[in-house]
Amino acid sequence: ARKVVEALIKQRNTGAILLQSIWRKFKAKVVTIAMKYTRHACILVQRIFRGHMGRRKAIKERERYLFSLSHSKGIELSRQMVAEHKIQATRLQSEISILNKEKQTT
């Protein structure tokens, strides 16, 4: 009778151990799946944020480029205007010198 009771207790312990190990395995799987979804969500958020920051940086660089391009065009336009004014000033000086020479000869 004692051996039967010990065998029954051992069988119950074995069953309890088996149930506990199955339960721990299930809980570990649930935690693993939750961590996997969390990790993928984090990666998605990082990807979206980095893309946003990259686009923002590209827009700023494009604005800087367009500003420098317009600035250099403005400088070039100013140079052309100065050159034209110099030509006109030279032409006026030569006309004035011709008039002065005519005035002196008369």
PDB file of N, CA and C in Angstrom:
ATOM      1  N   ALA A   1       0.826  -1.186   0.000  1.00  0.00           N
ATOM      2  CA  ALA A   1       0.000   0.000   0.000  1.00  0.00           C
ATOM      3  C   ALA A   1       0.871   1.251   0.000  1.00  0.00           C
ATOM      4  N   ARG A   2       1.968   1.170   0.716  1.00  0.00           N
ATOM      5  CA  ARG A   2       2.855   2.313   0.802  1.00  0.00           C
ATOM      6  C   ARG A   2       3.476   2.592  -0.568  1.00  0.00           C
ATOM      7  N   LYS A   3       3.877   1.545  -1.272  1.00  0.00           N
ATOM      8  CA  LYS A   3       4.488   1.720  -2.593  1.00  0.00           C
ATOM      9  C   LYS A   3       3.479   2.294  -3.579  1.00  0.00           C
ATOM     10  N   VAL A   4       2.237   1.913  -3.447  1.00  0.00           N
ATOM     11  CA  VAL A   4       1.197   2.427  -4.344  1.00  0.00           C
ATOM     12  C   VAL A   4       0.996   3.921  -4.088  1.00  0.00           C
ATOM     13  N   VAL A   5       0.974   4.307  -2.830  1.00  0.00           N
ATOM     14  CA  VAL A   5       0.805   5.720  -2.474  1.00  0.00           C
ATOM     15  C   VAL A   5       2.006   6.519  -2.957  1.00  0.00           C
ATOM     16  N   GLU A   6       3.218   6.008  -2.766  1.00  0.00           N
ATOM     17  CA  GLU A   6       4.428   6.701  -3.228  1.00  0.00           C
ATOM     18  C   GLU A   6       4.430   6.818  -4.747  1.00  0.00           C
ATOM     19  N   ALA A   7       4.004   5.769  -5.430  1.00  0.00           N
ATOM     20  CA  ALA A   7       3.929   5.810  -6.894  1.00  0.00           C
ATOM     21  C   ALA A   7       2.903   6.843  -7.338  1.00  0.00           C
ATOM     22  N   LEU A   8       1.774   6.900  -6.641  1.00  0.00           N
ATOM     23  CA  LEU A   8       0.730   7.869  -6.967  1.00  0.00           C
ATOM     24  C   LEU A   8       1.222   9.301  -6.731  1.00  0.00           C
ATOM     25  N   ILE A   9       1.934   9.516  -5.616  1.00  0.00           N
ATOM     26  CA  ILE A   9       2.495  10.845  -5.317  1.00  0.00           C
ATOM     27  C   ILE A   9       3.536  11.219  -6.370  1.00  0.00           C
ATOM     28  N   LYS A  10       4.394  10.267  -6.744  1.00  0.00           N
ATOM     29  CA  LYS A  10       5.418  10.519  -7.766  1.00  0.00           C
ATOM     30  C   LYS A  10       4.763  10.857  -9.100  1.00  0.00           C
ATOM     31  N   GLN A  11       3.682  10.141  -9.431  1.00  0.00           N
ATOM     32  CA  GLN A  11       2.980  10.388 -10.687  1.00  0.00           C
ATOM     33  C   GLN A  11       2.345  11.786 -10.665  1.00  0.00           C
ATOM     34  N   ARG A  12       1.767  12.187  -9.536  1.00  0.00           N
ATOM     35  CA  ARG A  12       1.180  13.521  -9.416  1.00  0.00           C
ATOM     36  C   ARG A  12       2.264  14.600  -9.514  1.00  0.00           C
ATOM     37  N   ASN A  13       3.397  14.375  -8.857  1.00  0.00           N
ATOM     38  CA  ASN A  13       4.509  15.330  -8.933  1.00  0.00           C
ATOM     39  C   ASN A  13       5.010  15.464 -10.364  1.00  0.00           C
ATOM     40  N   THR A  14       5.142  14.337 -11.049  1.00  0.00           N
ATOM     41  CA  THR A  14       5.600  14.359 -12.439  1.00  0.00           C
ATOM     42  C   THR A  14       4.603  15.133 -13.301  1.00  0.00           C
ATOM     43  N   GLY A  15       3.325  14.896 -13.084  1.00  0.00           N
ATOM     44  CA  GLY A  15       2.288  15.627 -13.831  1.00  0.00           C
ATOM     45  C   GLY A  15       2.325  17.114 -13.525  1.00  0.00           C
ATOM     46  N   ALA A  16       2.504  17.454 -12.256  1.00  0.00           N
ATOM     47  CA  ALA A  16       2.564  18.865 -11.857  1.00  0.00           C
ATOM     48  C   ALA A  16       3.787  19.541 -12.472  1.00  0.00           C
ATOM     49  N   ILE A  17       4.909  18.824 -12.444  1.00  0.00           N
ATOM     50  CA  ILE A  17       6.139  19.372 -13.042  1.00  0.00           C
ATOM     51  C   ILE A  17       5.935  19.594 -14.536  1.00  0.00           C
ATOM     52  N   LEU A  18       5.300  18.634 -15.203  1.00  0.00           N
ATOM     53  CA  LEU A  18       5.040  18.745 -16.638  1.00  0.00           C
ATOM     54  C   LEU A  18       4.125  19.937 -16.922  1.00  0.00           C
ATOM     55  N   LEU A  19       3.054  20.079 -16.147  1.00  0.00           N
ATOM     56  CA  LEU A  19       2.146  21.218 -16.328  1.00  0.00           C
ATOM     57  C   LEU A  19       2.868  22.545 -16.094  1.00  0.00           C
ATOM     58  N   GLN A  20       3.687  22.606 -15.058  1.00  0.00           N
ATOM     59  CA  GLN A  20       4.418  23.838 -14.763  1.00  0.00           C
ATOM     60  C   GLN A  20       5.386  24.190 -15.889  1.00  0.00           C
ATOM     61  N   SER A  21       6.069  23.189 -16.412  1.00  0.00           N
ATOM     62  CA  SER A  21       7.026  23.465 -17.491  1.00  0.00           C
ATOM     63  C   SER A  21       6.299  23.905 -18.759  1.00  0.00           C
ATOM     64  N   ILE A  22       5.140  23.299 -19.047  1.00  0.00           N
ATOM     65  CA  ILE A  22       4.354  23.724 -20.213  1.00  0.00           C
ATOM     66  C   ILE A  22       3.865  25.159 -20.018  1.00  0.00           C
ATOM     67  N   TRP A  23       3.408  25.473 -18.801  1.00  0.00           N
ATOM     68  CA  TRP A  23       2.936  26.828 -18.518  1.00  0.00           C
ATOM     69  C   TRP A  23       4.067  27.848 -18.654  1.00  0.00           C
ATOM     70  N   ARG A  24       5.251  27.530 -18.123  1.00  0.00           N
ATOM     71  CA  ARG A  24       6.402  28.439 -18.241  1.00  0.00           C
ATOM     72  C   ARG A  24       6.789  28.634 -19.706  1.00  0.00           C
ATOM     73  N   LYS A  25       6.734  27.566 -20.490  1.00  0.00           N
ATOM     74  CA  LYS A  25       7.044  27.650 -21.918  1.00  0.00           C
ATOM     75  C   LYS A  25       6.046  28.573 -22.617  1.00  0.00           C
ATOM     76  N   PHE A  26       4.757  28.408 -22.298  1.00  0.00           N
ATOM     77  CA  PHE A  26       3.720  29.247 -22.896  1.00  0.00           C
ATOM     78  C   PHE A  26       3.937  30.719 -22.543  1.00  0.00           C
ATOM     79  N   LYS A  27       4.188  30.996 -21.261  1.00  0.00           N
ATOM     80  CA  LYS A  27       4.420  32.376 -20.826  1.00  0.00           C
ATOM     81  C   LYS A  27       5.660  32.969 -21.501  1.00  0.00           C
ATOM     82  N   ALA A  28       6.707  32.154 -21.644  1.00  0.00           N
ATOM     83  CA  ALA A  28       7.929  32.634 -22.301  1.00  0.00           C
ATOM     84  C   ALA A  28       7.650  32.966 -23.762  1.00  0.00           C
ATOM     85  N   LYS A  29       6.834  32.134 -24.427  1.00  0.00           N
ATOM     86  CA  LYS A  29       6.486  32.410 -25.823  1.00  0.00           C
ATOM     87  C   LYS A  29       5.690  33.706 -25.935  1.00  0.00           C
ATOM     88  N   VAL A  30       4.751  33.906 -25.017  1.00  0.00           N
ATOM     89  CA  VAL A  30       3.949  35.136 -25.033  1.00  0.00           C
ATOM     90  C   VAL A  30       4.850  36.352 -24.858  1.00  0.00           C
ATOM     91  N   VAL A  31       5.764  36.276 -23.912  1.00  0.00           N
ATOM     92  CA  VAL A  31       6.689  37.389 -23.673  1.00  0.00           C
ATOM     93  C   VAL A  31       7.575  37.612 -24.897  1.00  0.00           C
ATOM     94  N   THR A  32       8.055  36.529 -25.495  1.00  0.00           N
ATOM     95  CA  THR A  32       8.913  36.639 -26.678  1.00  0.00           C
ATOM     96  C   THR A  32       8.169  37.296 -27.834  1.00  0.00           C
ATOM     97  N   ILE A  33       6.940  36.890 -28.061  1.00  0.00           N
ATOM     98  CA  ILE A  33       6.149  37.484 -29.145  1.00  0.00           C
ATOM     99  C   ILE A  33       5.896  38.964 -28.869  1.00  0.00           C
ATOM    100  N   ALA A  34       5.581  39.299 -27.622  1.00  0.00           N
ATOM    101  CA  ALA A  34       5.354  40.708 -27.271  1.00  0.00           C
ATOM    102  C   ALA A  34       6.619  41.530 -27.493  1.00  0.00           C
ATOM    103  N   MET A  35       7.765  40.984 -27.104  1.00  0.00           N
ATOM    104  CA  MET A  35       9.033  41.691 -27.308  1.00  0.00           C
ATOM    105  C   MET A  35       9.325  41.854 -28.798  1.00  0.00           C
ATOM    106  N   LYS A  36       8.983  40.842 -29.582  1.00  0.00           N
ATOM    107  CA  LYS A  36       9.206  40.898 -31.028  1.00  0.00           C
ATOM    108  C   LYS A  36       8.370  42.023 -31.645  1.00  0.00           C
ATOM    109  N   TYR A  37       7.082  42.094 -31.272  1.00  0.00           N
ATOM    110  CA  TYR A  37       6.234  43.160 -31.789  1.00  0.00           C
ATOM    111  C   TYR A  37       6.721  44.528 -31.333  1.00  0.00           C
ATOM    112  N   THR A  38       7.148  44.626 -30.085  1.00  0.00           N
ATOM    113  CA  THR A  38       7.667  45.889 -29.570  1.00  0.00           C
ATOM    114  C   THR A  38       8.920  46.306 -30.331  1.00  0.00           C
ATOM    115  N   ARG A  39       9.795  45.350 -30.584  1.00  0.00           N
ATOM    116  CA  ARG A  39      11.036  45.640 -31.313  1.00  0.00           C
ATOM    117  C   ARG A  39      10.723  46.125 -32.723  1.00  0.00           C
ATOM    118  N   HIS A  40       9.799  45.432 -33.397  1.00  0.00           N
ATOM    119  CA  HIS A  40       9.439  45.849 -34.751  1.00  0.00           C
ATOM    120  C   HIS A  40       8.783  47.232 -34.747  1.00  0.00           C
ATOM    121  N   ALA A  41       7.982  47.504 -33.719  1.00  0.00           N
ATOM    122  CA  ALA A  41       7.358  48.826 -33.613  1.00  0.00           C
ATOM    123  C   ALA A  41       8.423  49.901 -33.406  1.00  0.00           C
ATOM    124  N   CYS A  42       9.417  49.607 -32.570  1.00  0.00           N
ATOM    125  CA  CYS A  42      10.508  50.564 -32.333  1.00  0.00           C
ATOM    126  C   CYS A  42      11.280  50.829 -33.622  1.00  0.00           C
ATOM    127  N   ILE A  43      11.555  49.772 -34.355  1.00  0.00           N
ATOM    128  CA  ILE A  43      12.289  49.918 -35.613  1.00  0.00           C
ATOM    129  C   ILE A  43      11.480  50.758 -36.599  1.00  0.00           C
ATOM    130  N   LEU A  44      10.169  50.524 -36.644  1.00  0.00           N
ATOM    131  CA  LEU A  44       9.306  51.294 -37.537  1.00  0.00           C
ATOM    132  C   LEU A  44       9.309  52.774 -37.163  1.00  0.00           C
ATOM    133  N   VAL A  45       9.205  53.067 -35.879  1.00  0.00           N
ATOM    134  CA  VAL A  45       9.216  54.463 -35.430  1.00  0.00           C
ATOM    135  C   VAL A  45      10.554  55.116 -35.768  1.00  0.00           C
ATOM    136  N   GLN A  46      11.646  54.407 -35.524  1.00  0.00           N
ATOM    137  CA  GLN A  46      12.971  54.952 -35.843  1.00  0.00           C
ATOM    138  C   GLN A  46      13.106  55.213 -37.339  1.00  0.00           C
ATOM    139  N   ARG A  47      12.621  54.282 -38.151  1.00  0.00           N
ATOM    140  CA  ARG A  47      12.733  54.432 -39.599  1.00  0.00           C
ATOM    141  C   ARG A  47      11.950  55.654 -40.074  1.00  0.00           C
ATOM    142  N   ILE A  48      10.735  55.807 -39.561  1.00  0.00           N
ATOM    143  CA  ILE A  48       9.914  56.951 -39.958  1.00  0.00           C
ATOM    144  C   ILE A  48      10.557  58.257 -39.493  1.00  0.00           C
ATOM    145  N   PHE A  49      11.062  58.280 -38.262  1.00  0.00           N
ATOM    146  CA  PHE A  49      11.684  59.500 -37.735  1.00  0.00           C
ATOM    147  C   PHE A  49      12.945  59.856 -38.522  1.00  0.00           C
ATOM    148  N   ARG A  50      13.780  58.858 -38.787  1.00  0.00           N
ATOM    149  CA  ARG A  50      15.016  59.137 -39.536  1.00  0.00           C
ATOM    150  C   ARG A  50      14.707  59.607 -40.953  1.00  0.00           C
ATOM    151  N   GLY A  51      13.684  59.041 -41.566  1.00  0.00           N
ATOM    152  CA  GLY A  51      13.274  59.510 -42.890  1.00  0.00           C
ATOM    153  C   GLY A  51      12.800  60.949 -42.843  1.00  0.00           C
ATOM    154  N   HIS A  52      12.023  61.278 -41.819  1.00  0.00           N
ATOM    155  CA  HIS A  52      11.533  62.644 -41.644  1.00  0.00           C
ATOM    156  C   HIS A  52      12.705  63.613 -41.476  1.00  0.00           C
ATOM    157  N   MET A  53      13.652  63.237 -40.618  1.00  0.00           N
ATOM    158  CA  MET A  53      14.812  64.106 -40.392  1.00  0.00           C
ATOM    159  C   MET A  53      15.656  64.240 -41.661  1.00  0.00           C
ATOM    160  N   GLY A  54      15.796  63.149 -42.407  1.00  0.00           N
ATOM    161  CA  GLY A  54      16.563  63.207 -43.649  1.00  0.00           C
ATOM    162  C   GLY A  54      15.911  64.128 -44.666  1.00  0.00           C
ATOM    163  N   ARG A  55      14.577  64.042 -44.779  1.00  0.00           N
ATOM    164  CA  ARG A  55      13.877  64.930 -45.708  1.00  0.00           C
ATOM    165  C   ARG A  55      13.990  66.380 -45.261  1.00  0.00           C
ATOM    166  N   ARG A  56      13.896  66.609 -43.954  1.00  0.00           N
ATOM    167  CA  ARG A  56      14.035  67.971 -43.432  1.00  0.00           C
ATOM    168  C   ARG A  56      15.427  68.521 -43.748  1.00  0.00           C
ATOM    169  N   LYS A  57      16.451  67.703 -43.561  1.00  0.00           N
ATOM    170  CA  LYS A  57      17.825  68.127 -43.845  1.00  0.00           C
ATOM    171  C   LYS A  57      18.005  68.409 -45.336  1.00  0.00           C
ATOM    172  N   ALA A  58      17.411  67.554 -46.179  1.00  0.00           N
ATOM    173  CA  ALA A  58      17.525  67.753 -47.624  1.00  0.00           C
ATOM    174  C   ALA A  58      16.850  69.053 -48.048  1.00  0.00           C
ATOM    175  N   ILE A  59      15.708  69.367 -47.451  1.00  0.00           N
ATOM    176  CA  ILE A  59      15.013  70.616 -47.781  1.00  0.00           C
ATOM    177  C   ILE A  59      15.865  71.817 -47.382  1.00  0.00           C
ATOM    178  N   LYS A  60      16.480  71.767 -46.198  1.00  0.00           N
ATOM    179  CA  LYS A  60      17.335  72.876 -45.758  1.00  0.00           C
ATOM    180  C   LYS A  60      18.531  73.051 -46.689  1.00  0.00           C
ATOM    181  N   GLU A  61      19.147  71.935 -47.068  1.00  0.00           N
ATOM    182  CA  GLU A  61      20.301  72.026 -47.965  1.00  0.00           C
ATOM    183  C   GLU A  61      19.884  72.577 -49.321  1.00  0.00           C
ATOM    184  N   ARG A  62      18.712  72.163 -49.801  1.00  0.00           N
ATOM    185  CA  ARG A  62      18.223  72.665 -51.088  1.00  0.00           C
ATOM    186  C   ARG A  62      17.966  74.164 -50.999  1.00  0.00           C
ATOM    187  N   GLU A  63      17.365  74.613 -49.893  1.00  0.00           N
ATOM    188  CA  GLU A  63      17.131  76.050 -49.711  1.00  0.00           C
ATOM    189  C   GLU A  63      18.444  76.823 -49.670  1.00  0.00           C
ATOM    190  N   ARG A  64      19.440  76.275 -48.969  1.00  0.00           N
ATOM    191  CA  ARG A  64      20.754  76.937 -48.923  1.00  0.00           C
ATOM    192  C   ARG A  64      21.376  77.013 -50.313  1.00  0.00           C
ATOM    193  N   TYR A  65      21.241  75.913 -51.072  1.00  0.00           N
ATOM    194  CA  TYR A  65      21.802  75.880 -52.418  1.00  0.00           C
ATOM    195  C   TYR A  65      21.116  76.914 -53.300  1.00  0.00           C
ATOM    196  N   LEU A  66      19.766  76.960 -53.249  1.00  0.00           N
ATOM    197  CA  LEU A  66      19.039  77.927 -54.077  1.00  0.00           C
ATOM    198  C   LEU A  66      19.365  79.359 -53.664  1.00  0.00           C
ATOM    199  N   PHE A  67      19.531  79.594 -52.349  1.00  0.00           N
ATOM    200  CA  PHE A  67      19.891  80.929 -51.895  1.00  0.00           C
ATOM    201  C   PHE A  67      21.264  81.323 -52.419  1.00  0.00           C
ATOM    202  N   SER A  68      22.227  80.406 -52.303  1.00  0.00           N
ATOM    203  CA  SER A  68      23.575  80.729 -52.787  1.00  0.00           C
ATOM    204  C   SER A  68      23.576  80.901 -54.298  1.00  0.00           C
ATOM    205  N   LEU A  69      22.741  80.134 -54.992  1.00  0.00           N
ATOM    206  CA  LEU A  69      22.647  80.257 -56.443  1.00  0.00           C
ATOM    207  C   LEU A  69      22.081  81.621 -56.815  1.00  0.00           C
ATOM    208  N   SER A  70      21.004  82.042 -56.153  1.00  0.00           N
ATOM    209  CA  SER A  70      20.420  83.352 -56.441  1.00  0.00           C
ATOM    210  C   SER A  70      21.384  84.464 -56.025  1.00  0.00           C
ATOM    211  N   HIS A  71      22.090  84.251 -54.926  1.00  0.00           N
ATOM    212  CA  HIS A  71      23.059  85.244 -54.460  1.00  0.00           C
ATOM    213  C   HIS A  71      24.178  85.416 -55.484  1.00  0.00           C
ATOM    214  N   SER A  72      24.683  84.301 -56.004  1.00  0.00           N
ATOM    215  CA  SER A  72      25.761  84.399 -56.992  1.00  0.00           C
ATOM    216  C   SER A  72      25.252  85.021 -58.287  1.00  0.00           C
ATOM    217  N   LYS A  73      23.979  84.757 -58.649  1.00  0.00           N
ATOM    218  CA  LYS A  73      23.411  85.403 -59.840  1.00  0.00           C
ATOM    219  C   LYS A  73      23.289  86.905 -59.615  1.00  0.00           C
ATOM    220  N   GLY A  74      22.921  87.295 -58.397  1.00  0.00           N
ATOM    221  CA  GLY A  74      22.831  88.718 -58.073  1.00  0.00           C
ATOM    222  C   GLY A  74      24.187  89.395 -58.155  1.00  0.00           C
ATOM    223  N   ILE A  75      25.220  88.712 -57.684  1.00  0.00           N
ATOM    224  CA  ILE A  75      26.581  89.255 -57.760  1.00  0.00           C
ATOM    225  C   ILE A  75      27.001  89.396 -59.217  1.00  0.00           C
ATOM    226  N   GLU A  76      26.681  88.396 -60.028  1.00  0.00           N
ATOM    227  CA  GLU A  76      27.040  88.445 -61.448  1.00  0.00           C
ATOM    228  C   GLU A  76      26.307  89.592 -62.142  1.00  0.00           C
ATOM    229  N   LEU A  77      25.040  89.792 -61.800  1.00  0.00           N
ATOM    230  CA  LEU A  77      24.274  90.894 -62.374  1.00  0.00           C
ATOM    231  C   LEU A  77      24.896  92.232 -61.969  1.00  0.00           C
ATOM    232  N   SER A  78      25.323  92.342 -60.720  1.00  0.00           N
ATOM    233  CA  SER A  78      25.974  93.573 -60.257  1.00  0.00           C
ATOM    234  C   SER A  78      27.272  93.812 -61.013  1.00  0.00           C
ATOM    235  N   ARG A  79      28.035  92.771 -61.249  1.00  0.00           N
ATOM    236  CA  ARG A  79      29.282  92.915 -62.013  1.00  0.00           C
ATOM    237  C   ARG A  79      28.999  93.406 -63.425  1.00  0.00           C
ATOM    238  N   GLN A  80      27.964  92.850 -64.041  1.00  0.00           N
ATOM    239  CA  GLN A  80      27.618  93.282 -65.396  1.00  0.00           C
ATOM    240  C   GLN A  80      27.203  94.752 -65.401  1.00  0.00           C
ATOM    241  N   MET A  81      26.425  95.153 -64.398  1.00  0.00           N
ATOM    242  CA  MET A  81      25.990  96.549 -64.333  1.00  0.00           C
ATOM    243  C   MET A  81      27.181  97.480 -64.131  1.00  0.00           C
ATOM    244  N   VAL A  82      28.119  97.084 -63.278  1.00  0.00           N
ATOM    245  CA  VAL A  82      29.317  97.902 -63.052  1.00  0.00           C
ATOM    246  C   VAL A  82      30.123  98.018 -64.343  1.00  0.00           C
ATOM    247  N   ALA A  83      30.253  96.913 -65.055  1.00  0.00           N
ATOM    248  CA  ALA A  83      31.005  96.942 -66.314  1.00  0.00           C
ATOM    249  C   ALA A  83      30.320  97.868 -67.318  1.00  0.00           C
ATOM    250  N   GLU A  84      28.998  97.806 -67.413  1.00  0.00           N
ATOM    251  CA  GLU A  84      28.272  98.691 -68.336  1.00  0.00           C
ATOM    252  C   GLU A  84      28.436 100.152 -67.938  1.00  0.00           C
ATOM    253  N   HIS A  85      28.372 100.430 -66.635  1.00  0.00           N
ATOM    254  CA  HIS A  85      28.549 101.811 -66.168  1.00  0.00           C
ATOM    255  C   HIS A  85      29.963 102.307 -66.450  1.00  0.00           C
ATOM    256  N   LYS A  86      30.944 101.429 -66.315  1.00  0.00           N
ATOM    257  CA  LYS A  86      32.326 101.827 -66.628  1.00  0.00           C
ATOM    258  C   LYS A  86      32.450 102.171 -68.103  1.00  0.00           C
ATOM    259  N   ILE A  87      31.827 101.369 -68.957  1.00  0.00           N
ATOM    260  CA  ILE A  87      31.879 101.635 -70.404  1.00  0.00           C
ATOM    261  C   ILE A  87      31.213 102.973 -70.708  1.00  0.00           C
ATOM    262  N   GLN A  88      30.041 103.211 -70.090  1.00  0.00           N
ATOM    263  CA  GLN A  88      29.351 104.488 -70.311  1.00  0.00           C
ATOM    264  C   GLN A  88      30.182 105.656 -69.787  1.00  0.00           C
ATOM    265  N   ALA A  89      30.802 105.463 -68.620  1.00  0.00           N
ATOM    266  CA  ALA A  89      31.630 106.533 -68.051  1.00  0.00           C
ATOM    267  C   ALA A  89      32.826 106.812 -68.954  1.00  0.00           C
ATOM    268  N   THR A  90      33.440 105.783 -69.487  1.00  0.00           N
ATOM    269  CA  THR A  90      34.575 105.963 -70.393  1.00  0.00           C
ATOM    270  C   THR A  90      34.127 106.699 -71.653  1.00  0.00           C
ATOM    271  N   ARG A  91      32.973 106.320 -72.174  1.00  0.00           N
ATOM    272  CA  ARG A  91      32.431 106.967 -73.368  1.00  0.00           C
ATOM    273  C   ARG A  91      32.162 108.448 -73.093  1.00  0.00           C
ATOM    274  N   LEU A  92      31.558 108.743 -71.927  1.00  0.00           N
ATOM    275  CA  LEU A  92      31.284 110.135 -71.576  1.00  0.00           C
ATOM    276  C   LEU A  92      32.577 110.931 -71.402  1.00  0.00           C
ATOM    277  N   GLN A  93      33.585 110.302 -70.752  1.00  0.00           N
ATOM    278  CA  GLN A  93      34.864 110.993 -70.575  1.00  0.00           C
ATOM    279  C   GLN A  93      35.511 111.302 -71.921  1.00  0.00           C
ATOM    280  N   SER A  94      35.433 110.344 -72.835  1.00  0.00           N
ATOM    281  CA  SER A  94      36.037 110.600 -74.154  1.00  0.00           C
ATOM    282  C   SER A  94      35.273 111.699 -74.886  1.00  0.00           C
ATOM    283  N   GLU A  95      33.946 111.727 -74.761  1.00  0.00           N
ATOM    284  CA  GLU A  95      33.165 112.787 -75.399  1.00  0.00           C
ATOM    285  C   GLU A  95      33.487 114.138 -74.777  1.00  0.00           C
ATOM    286  N   ILE A  96      33.643 114.160 -73.456  1.00  0.00           N
ATOM    287  CA  ILE A  96      33.984 115.412 -72.766  1.00  0.00           C
ATOM    288  C   ILE A  96      35.367 115.884 -73.195  1.00  0.00           C
ATOM    289  N   SER A  97      36.308 114.960 -73.289  1.00  0.00           N
ATOM    290  CA  SER A  97      37.660 115.368 -73.707  1.00  0.00           C
ATOM    291  C   SER A  97      37.649 115.882 -75.146  1.00  0.00           C
ATOM    292  N   ILE A  98      36.831 115.283 -76.016  1.00  0.00           N
ATOM    293  CA  ILE A  98      36.725 115.770 -77.398  1.00  0.00           C
ATOM    294  C   ILE A  98      36.124 117.175 -77.408  1.00  0.00           C
ATOM    295  N   LEU A  99      35.072 117.386 -76.597  1.00  0.00           N
ATOM    296  CA  LEU A  99      34.458 118.711 -76.520  1.00  0.00           C
ATOM    297  C   LEU A  99      35.432 119.741 -75.958  1.00  0.00           C
ATOM    298  N   ASN A 100      36.217 119.344 -74.958  1.00  0.00           N
ATOM    299  CA  ASN A 100      37.212 120.264 -74.385  1.00  0.00           C
ATOM    300  C   ASN A 100      38.266 120.626 -75.416  1.00  0.00           C
ATOM    301  N   LYS A 101      38.699 119.662 -76.220  1.00  0.00           N
ATOM    302  CA  LYS A 101      39.690 119.939 -77.265  1.00  0.00           C
ATOM    303  C   LYS A 101      39.108 120.877 -78.309  1.00  0.00           C
ATOM    304  N   GLU A 102      37.844 120.658 -78.692  1.00  0.00           N
ATOM    305  CA  GLU A 102      37.199 121.541 -79.667  1.00  0.00           C
ATOM    306  C   GLU A 102      37.050 122.950 -79.099  1.00  0.00           C
ATOM    307  N   LYS A 103      36.759 123.021 -77.796  1.00  0.00           N
ATOM    308  CA  LYS A 103      36.576 124.304 -77.146  1.00  0.00           C
ATOM    309  C   LYS A 103      37.896 125.070 -77.093  1.00  0.00           C
ATOM    310  N   GLN A 104      38.992 124.328 -76.860  1.00  0.00           N
ATOM    311  CA  GLN A 104      40.299 124.966 -76.778  1.00  0.00           C
ATOM    312  C   GLN A 104      40.767 125.435 -78.156  1.00  0.00           C
ATOM    313  N   THR A 105      40.399 124.716 -79.182  1.00  0.00           N
ATOM    314  CA  THR A 105      40.833 125.110 -80.523  1.00  0.00           C
ATOM    315  C   THR A 105      40.028 126.290 -81.048  1.00  0.00           C
ATOM    316  N   THR A 106      38.881 126.534 -80.534  1.00  0.00           N
ATOM    317  CA  THR A 106      38.103 127.669 -81.021  1.00  0.00           C
ATOM    318  C   THR A 106      38.271 128.925 -80.223  1.00  0.00           C
TER     319      THR A 106
END
